[in-house]
Amino acid sequence: MRTNKKTVKLLSEIDSIIEDIQVRSILINDKTINLLFSEKITPILLDLRTIIEIENFFYIDIKEKINNCVALTSEIVDLNPKFSSIYSRIRILRETILLIIK
């Protein structure tokens, strides 16, 4: 597998976001937020990570996944504004991914 610097940086950012989500979920201890993260957002991020890692860029699939992730994270911020930094990071991740796959 060949990986370029952009791919490595993207993978690292996704890993970092997932780690941050895990830590904050433990600290907040809110069942609704934890369910959204564990059952929706984290699986999407892991799917995106796999797609990026194997460089299987299918524009519509990736765009749908990252937009869904942003929307779900927005719902979490509505429930608890302390997650706004994760929301911002996921929005930046979306922009970066969309620029790469164009």
N, C-alpha and C. Protein backbone atom coordinates (compact mmCIF):
# COMPACT_ATOMS: atom_id res chain seq x y z
N MET A 1 0.84 -1.19 0.00
CA MET A 1 0.00 0.00 0.00
C MET A 1 0.89 1.25 0.00
N ARG A 2 0.63 2.11 -0.95
CA ARG A 2 1.37 3.36 -0.98
C ARG A 2 0.53 4.44 -0.31
N THR A 3 1.14 5.19 0.54
CA THR A 3 0.42 6.27 1.20
C THR A 3 1.22 7.54 1.05
N ASN A 4 0.51 8.60 0.72
CA ASN A 4 1.19 9.87 0.63
C ASN A 4 0.99 10.66 1.92
N LYS A 5 1.60 11.82 2.00
CA LYS A 5 1.55 12.60 3.23
C LYS A 5 0.14 13.04 3.59
N LYS A 6 -0.66 13.39 2.57
CA LYS A 6 -2.04 13.81 2.83
C LYS A 6 -2.86 12.67 3.42
N THR A 7 -2.67 11.48 2.88
CA THR A 7 -3.40 10.32 3.39
C THR A 7 -3.01 10.02 4.83
N VAL A 8 -1.73 10.03 5.10
CA VAL A 8 -1.25 9.76 6.46
C VAL A 8 -1.79 10.81 7.43
N LYS A 9 -1.80 12.05 7.02
CA LYS A 9 -2.31 13.13 7.88
C LYS A 9 -3.81 12.96 8.13
N LEU A 10 -4.56 12.60 7.10
CA LEU A 10 -6.00 12.36 7.25
C LEU A 10 -6.27 11.20 8.19
N LEU A 11 -5.55 10.12 8.02
CA LEU A 11 -5.73 8.95 8.89
C LEU A 11 -5.41 9.30 10.34
N SER A 12 -4.36 10.06 10.52
CA SER A 12 -3.98 10.49 11.87
C SER A 12 -5.06 11.37 12.49
N GLU A 13 -5.63 12.27 11.70
CA GLU A 13 -6.69 13.15 12.23
C GLU A 13 -7.94 12.36 12.59
N ILE A 14 -8.30 11.39 11.76
CA ILE A 14 -9.46 10.56 12.08
C ILE A 14 -9.21 9.79 13.38
N ASP A 15 -8.04 9.20 13.51
CA ASP A 15 -7.69 8.49 14.75
C ASP A 15 -7.76 9.41 15.96
N SER A 16 -7.26 10.62 15.80
CA SER A 16 -7.26 11.59 16.88
C SER A 16 -8.69 11.98 17.29
N ILE A 17 -9.55 12.17 16.30
CA ILE A 17 -10.95 12.51 16.59
C ILE A 17 -11.63 11.36 17.32
N ILE A 18 -11.39 10.14 16.87
CA ILE A 18 -12.01 8.98 17.54
C ILE A 18 -11.53 8.87 18.99
N GLU A 19 -10.26 9.06 19.21
CA GLU A 19 -9.73 9.03 20.58
C GLU A 19 -10.35 10.12 21.44
N ASP A 20 -10.46 11.30 20.89
CA ASP A 20 -11.07 12.42 21.61
C ASP A 20 -12.52 12.12 21.96
N ILE A 21 -13.25 11.54 21.02
CA ILE A 21 -14.64 11.16 21.26
C ILE A 21 -14.72 10.16 22.41
N GLN A 22 -13.86 9.16 22.40
CA GLN A 22 -13.88 8.14 23.44
C GLN A 22 -13.62 8.73 24.82
N VAL A 23 -12.63 9.60 24.92
CA VAL A 23 -12.29 10.22 26.20
C VAL A 23 -13.44 11.10 26.69
N ARG A 24 -13.93 11.95 25.81
CA ARG A 24 -15.01 12.87 26.22
C ARG A 24 -16.30 12.12 26.57
N SER A 25 -16.56 11.04 25.88
CA SER A 25 -17.76 10.25 26.19
C SER A 25 -17.69 9.69 27.60
N ILE A 26 -16.51 9.25 27.99
CA ILE A 26 -16.34 8.73 29.35
C ILE A 26 -16.53 9.84 30.38
N LEU A 27 -15.96 11.00 30.09
CA LEU A 27 -16.04 12.11 31.03
C LEU A 27 -17.44 12.68 31.15
N ILE A 28 -18.17 12.76 30.06
CA ILE A 28 -19.52 13.34 30.08
C ILE A 28 -20.52 12.36 30.67
N ASN A 29 -20.41 11.07 30.29
CA ASN A 29 -21.29 10.03 30.80
C ASN A 29 -22.77 10.34 30.55
N ASP A 30 -23.11 10.67 29.31
CA ASP A 30 -24.49 10.93 28.89
C ASP A 30 -24.89 9.80 27.93
N LYS A 31 -25.92 9.04 28.30
CA LYS A 31 -26.29 7.86 27.52
C LYS A 31 -26.69 8.20 26.08
N THR A 32 -27.44 9.27 25.89
CA THR A 32 -27.89 9.65 24.55
C THR A 32 -26.70 10.01 23.67
N ILE A 33 -25.81 10.82 24.19
CA ILE A 33 -24.63 11.23 23.43
C ILE A 33 -23.71 10.04 23.18
N ASN A 34 -23.51 9.22 24.19
CA ASN A 34 -22.65 8.05 24.03
C ASN A 34 -23.19 7.09 22.97
N LEU A 35 -24.52 6.92 22.91
CA LEU A 35 -25.12 6.06 21.90
C LEU A 35 -24.91 6.63 20.49
N LEU A 36 -25.10 7.94 20.35
CA LEU A 36 -24.87 8.56 19.04
C LEU A 36 -23.42 8.38 18.60
N PHE A 37 -22.51 8.59 19.52
CA PHE A 37 -21.11 8.43 19.18
C PHE A 37 -20.77 6.97 18.87
N SER A 38 -21.15 6.07 19.75
CA SER A 38 -20.72 4.67 19.59
C SER A 38 -21.44 3.93 18.47
N GLU A 39 -22.69 4.26 18.22
CA GLU A 39 -23.45 3.51 17.22
C GLU A 39 -23.53 4.19 15.87
N LYS A 40 -23.24 5.47 15.81
CA LYS A 40 -23.38 6.19 14.54
C LYS A 40 -22.08 6.84 14.08
N ILE A 41 -21.55 7.75 14.88
CA ILE A 41 -20.43 8.59 14.44
C ILE A 41 -19.13 7.80 14.34
N THR A 42 -18.77 7.07 15.38
CA THR A 42 -17.51 6.32 15.35
C THR A 42 -17.49 5.29 14.21
N PRO A 43 -18.57 4.53 13.98
CA PRO A 43 -18.55 3.61 12.84
C PRO A 43 -18.37 4.33 11.49
N ILE A 44 -18.97 5.49 11.34
CA ILE A 44 -18.79 6.25 10.10
C ILE A 44 -17.34 6.67 9.95
N LEU A 45 -16.76 7.17 11.03
CA LEU A 45 -15.36 7.59 10.97
C LEU A 45 -14.44 6.41 10.65
N LEU A 46 -14.73 5.25 11.21
CA LEU A 46 -13.93 4.06 10.93
C LEU A 46 -14.10 3.61 9.47
N ASP A 47 -15.32 3.71 8.95
CA ASP A 47 -15.54 3.41 7.53
C ASP A 47 -14.74 4.37 6.64
N LEU A 48 -14.81 5.65 6.97
CA LEU A 48 -14.04 6.64 6.21
C LEU A 48 -12.55 6.36 6.28
N ARG A 49 -12.10 5.98 7.46
CA ARG A 49 -10.67 5.67 7.63
C ARG A 49 -10.27 4.52 6.72
N THR A 50 -11.09 3.49 6.67
CA THR A 50 -10.80 2.33 5.82
C THR A 50 -10.80 2.73 4.34
N ILE A 51 -11.79 3.50 3.93
CA ILE A 51 -11.87 3.96 2.54
C ILE A 51 -10.63 4.76 2.16
N ILE A 52 -10.22 5.64 3.04
CA ILE A 52 -9.04 6.47 2.77
C ILE A 52 -7.77 5.63 2.78
N GLU A 53 -7.70 4.70 3.73
CA GLU A 53 -6.50 3.86 3.85
C GLU A 53 -6.26 3.00 2.60
N ILE A 54 -7.34 2.46 2.05
CA ILE A 54 -7.18 1.63 0.86
C ILE A 54 -7.30 2.45 -0.43
N GLU A 55 -7.51 3.74 -0.25
CA GLU A 55 -7.60 4.70 -1.36
C GLU A 55 -8.65 4.27 -2.38
N ASN A 56 -9.81 3.89 -1.86
CA ASN A 56 -10.95 3.51 -2.70
C ASN A 56 -11.95 4.66 -2.68
N PHE A 57 -11.59 5.75 -3.35
CA PHE A 57 -12.39 6.96 -3.30
C PHE A 57 -13.57 6.90 -4.26
N PHE A 58 -14.75 6.70 -3.73
CA PHE A 58 -15.98 6.77 -4.51
C PHE A 58 -16.73 7.98 -3.98
N TYR A 59 -16.74 9.04 -4.75
CA TYR A 59 -17.16 10.37 -4.32
C TYR A 59 -18.50 10.38 -3.58
N ILE A 60 -19.52 9.77 -4.16
CA ILE A 60 -20.87 9.85 -3.57
C ILE A 60 -20.90 9.17 -2.21
N ASP A 61 -20.27 8.01 -2.10
CA ASP A 61 -20.26 7.26 -0.84
C ASP A 61 -19.54 8.04 0.26
N ILE A 62 -18.38 8.57 -0.06
CA ILE A 62 -17.61 9.33 0.93
C ILE A 62 -18.35 10.60 1.33
N LYS A 63 -18.88 11.30 0.34
CA LYS A 63 -19.60 12.55 0.61
C LYS A 63 -20.81 12.29 1.51
N GLU A 64 -21.54 11.24 1.24
CA GLU A 64 -22.71 10.89 2.05
C GLU A 64 -22.30 10.57 3.49
N LYS A 65 -21.25 9.79 3.65
CA LYS A 65 -20.80 9.41 4.99
C LYS A 65 -20.32 10.61 5.80
N ILE A 66 -19.48 11.45 5.20
CA ILE A 66 -18.95 12.57 5.97
C ILE A 66 -20.03 13.61 6.27
N ASN A 67 -20.96 13.82 5.34
CA ASN A 67 -22.06 14.75 5.61
C ASN A 67 -22.96 14.23 6.72
N ASN A 68 -23.21 12.93 6.74
CA ASN A 68 -24.00 12.32 7.80
C ASN A 68 -23.29 12.47 9.15
N CYS A 69 -22.00 12.29 9.14
CA CYS A 69 -21.21 12.43 10.37
C CYS A 69 -21.29 13.87 10.91
N VAL A 70 -21.19 14.84 10.01
CA VAL A 70 -21.29 16.25 10.42
C VAL A 70 -22.68 16.52 11.00
N ALA A 71 -23.73 16.04 10.35
CA ALA A 71 -25.09 16.27 10.83
C ALA A 71 -25.33 15.64 12.20
N LEU A 72 -24.85 14.43 12.39
CA LEU A 72 -25.01 13.76 13.69
C LEU A 72 -24.24 14.48 14.79
N THR A 73 -23.06 14.94 14.46
CA THR A 73 -22.27 15.66 15.45
C THR A 73 -22.94 16.98 15.81
N SER A 74 -23.58 17.59 14.84
CA SER A 74 -24.33 18.82 15.10
C SER A 74 -25.46 18.58 16.11
N GLU A 75 -26.10 17.42 15.98
CA GLU A 75 -27.15 17.06 16.94
C GLU A 75 -26.57 16.94 18.35
N ILE A 76 -25.39 16.38 18.45
CA ILE A 76 -24.75 16.23 19.76
C ILE A 76 -24.41 17.60 20.35
N VAL A 77 -23.93 18.51 19.51
CA VAL A 77 -23.62 19.86 19.99
C VAL A 77 -24.88 20.55 20.49
N ASP A 78 -26.02 20.28 19.84
CA ASP A 78 -27.29 20.84 20.33
C ASP A 78 -27.62 20.31 21.72
N LEU A 79 -27.26 19.05 21.99
CA LEU A 79 -27.50 18.46 23.31
C LEU A 79 -26.48 18.93 24.35
N ASN A 80 -25.23 19.09 23.90
CA ASN A 80 -24.17 19.49 24.82
C ASN A 80 -23.10 20.29 24.05
N PRO A 81 -23.08 21.61 24.24
CA PRO A 81 -22.14 22.46 23.50
C PRO A 81 -20.65 22.16 23.76
N LYS A 82 -20.36 21.37 24.77
CA LYS A 82 -18.95 21.03 25.06
C LYS A 82 -18.32 20.21 23.93
N PHE A 83 -19.15 19.69 23.04
CA PHE A 83 -18.64 18.90 21.92
C PHE A 83 -18.45 19.74 20.65
N SER A 84 -18.51 21.03 20.78
CA SER A 84 -18.38 21.89 19.60
C SER A 84 -16.99 21.79 18.95
N SER A 85 -15.97 21.52 19.74
CA SER A 85 -14.63 21.39 19.14
C SER A 85 -14.54 20.14 18.26
N ILE A 86 -15.20 19.06 18.67
CA ILE A 86 -15.23 17.86 17.84
C ILE A 86 -16.01 18.14 16.56
N TYR A 87 -17.12 18.86 16.70
CA TYR A 87 -17.92 19.25 15.53
C TYR A 87 -17.07 20.06 14.55
N SER A 88 -16.31 21.00 15.05
CA SER A 88 -15.45 21.81 14.19
C SER A 88 -14.39 20.95 13.49
N ARG A 89 -13.80 20.05 14.22
CA ARG A 89 -12.78 19.18 13.64
C ARG A 89 -13.36 18.27 12.55
N ILE A 90 -14.58 17.79 12.77
CA ILE A 90 -15.22 16.94 11.76
C ILE A 90 -15.60 17.76 10.53
N ARG A 91 -16.01 19.00 10.73
CA ARG A 91 -16.30 19.87 9.57
C ARG A 91 -15.04 20.14 8.76
N ILE A 92 -13.93 20.38 9.44
CA ILE A 92 -12.66 20.59 8.75
C ILE A 92 -12.24 19.31 8.02
N LEU A 93 -12.44 18.17 8.68
CA LEU A 93 -12.14 16.88 8.06
C LEU A 93 -12.96 16.71 6.78
N ARG A 94 -14.24 17.09 6.84
CA ARG A 94 -15.09 17.00 5.64
C ARG A 94 -14.52 17.83 4.50
N GLU A 95 -14.17 19.06 4.80
CA GLU A 95 -13.64 19.93 3.75
C GLU A 95 -12.34 19.35 3.15
N THR A 96 -11.49 18.83 4.00
CA THR A 96 -10.24 18.24 3.54
C THR A 96 -10.49 17.03 2.66
N ILE A 97 -11.38 16.17 3.09
CA ILE A 97 -11.70 14.96 2.32
C ILE A 97 -12.30 15.33 0.97
N LEU A 98 -13.24 16.27 0.97
CA LEU A 98 -13.89 16.65 -0.28
C LEU A 98 -12.91 17.29 -1.26
N LEU A 99 -11.94 18.01 -0.74
CA LEU A 99 -10.91 18.58 -1.62
C LEU A 99 -10.02 17.51 -2.24
N ILE A 100 -9.73 16.49 -1.47
CA ILE A 100 -8.85 15.42 -1.95
C ILE A 100 -9.54 14.56 -3.02
N ILE A 101 -10.82 14.29 -2.84
CA ILE A 101 -11.49 13.36 -3.75
C ILE A 101 -12.02 14.03 -5.02
N LYS A 102 -11.95 15.33 -5.11
CA LYS A 102 -12.44 16.00 -6.33
C LYS A 102 -11.57 15.72 -7.50
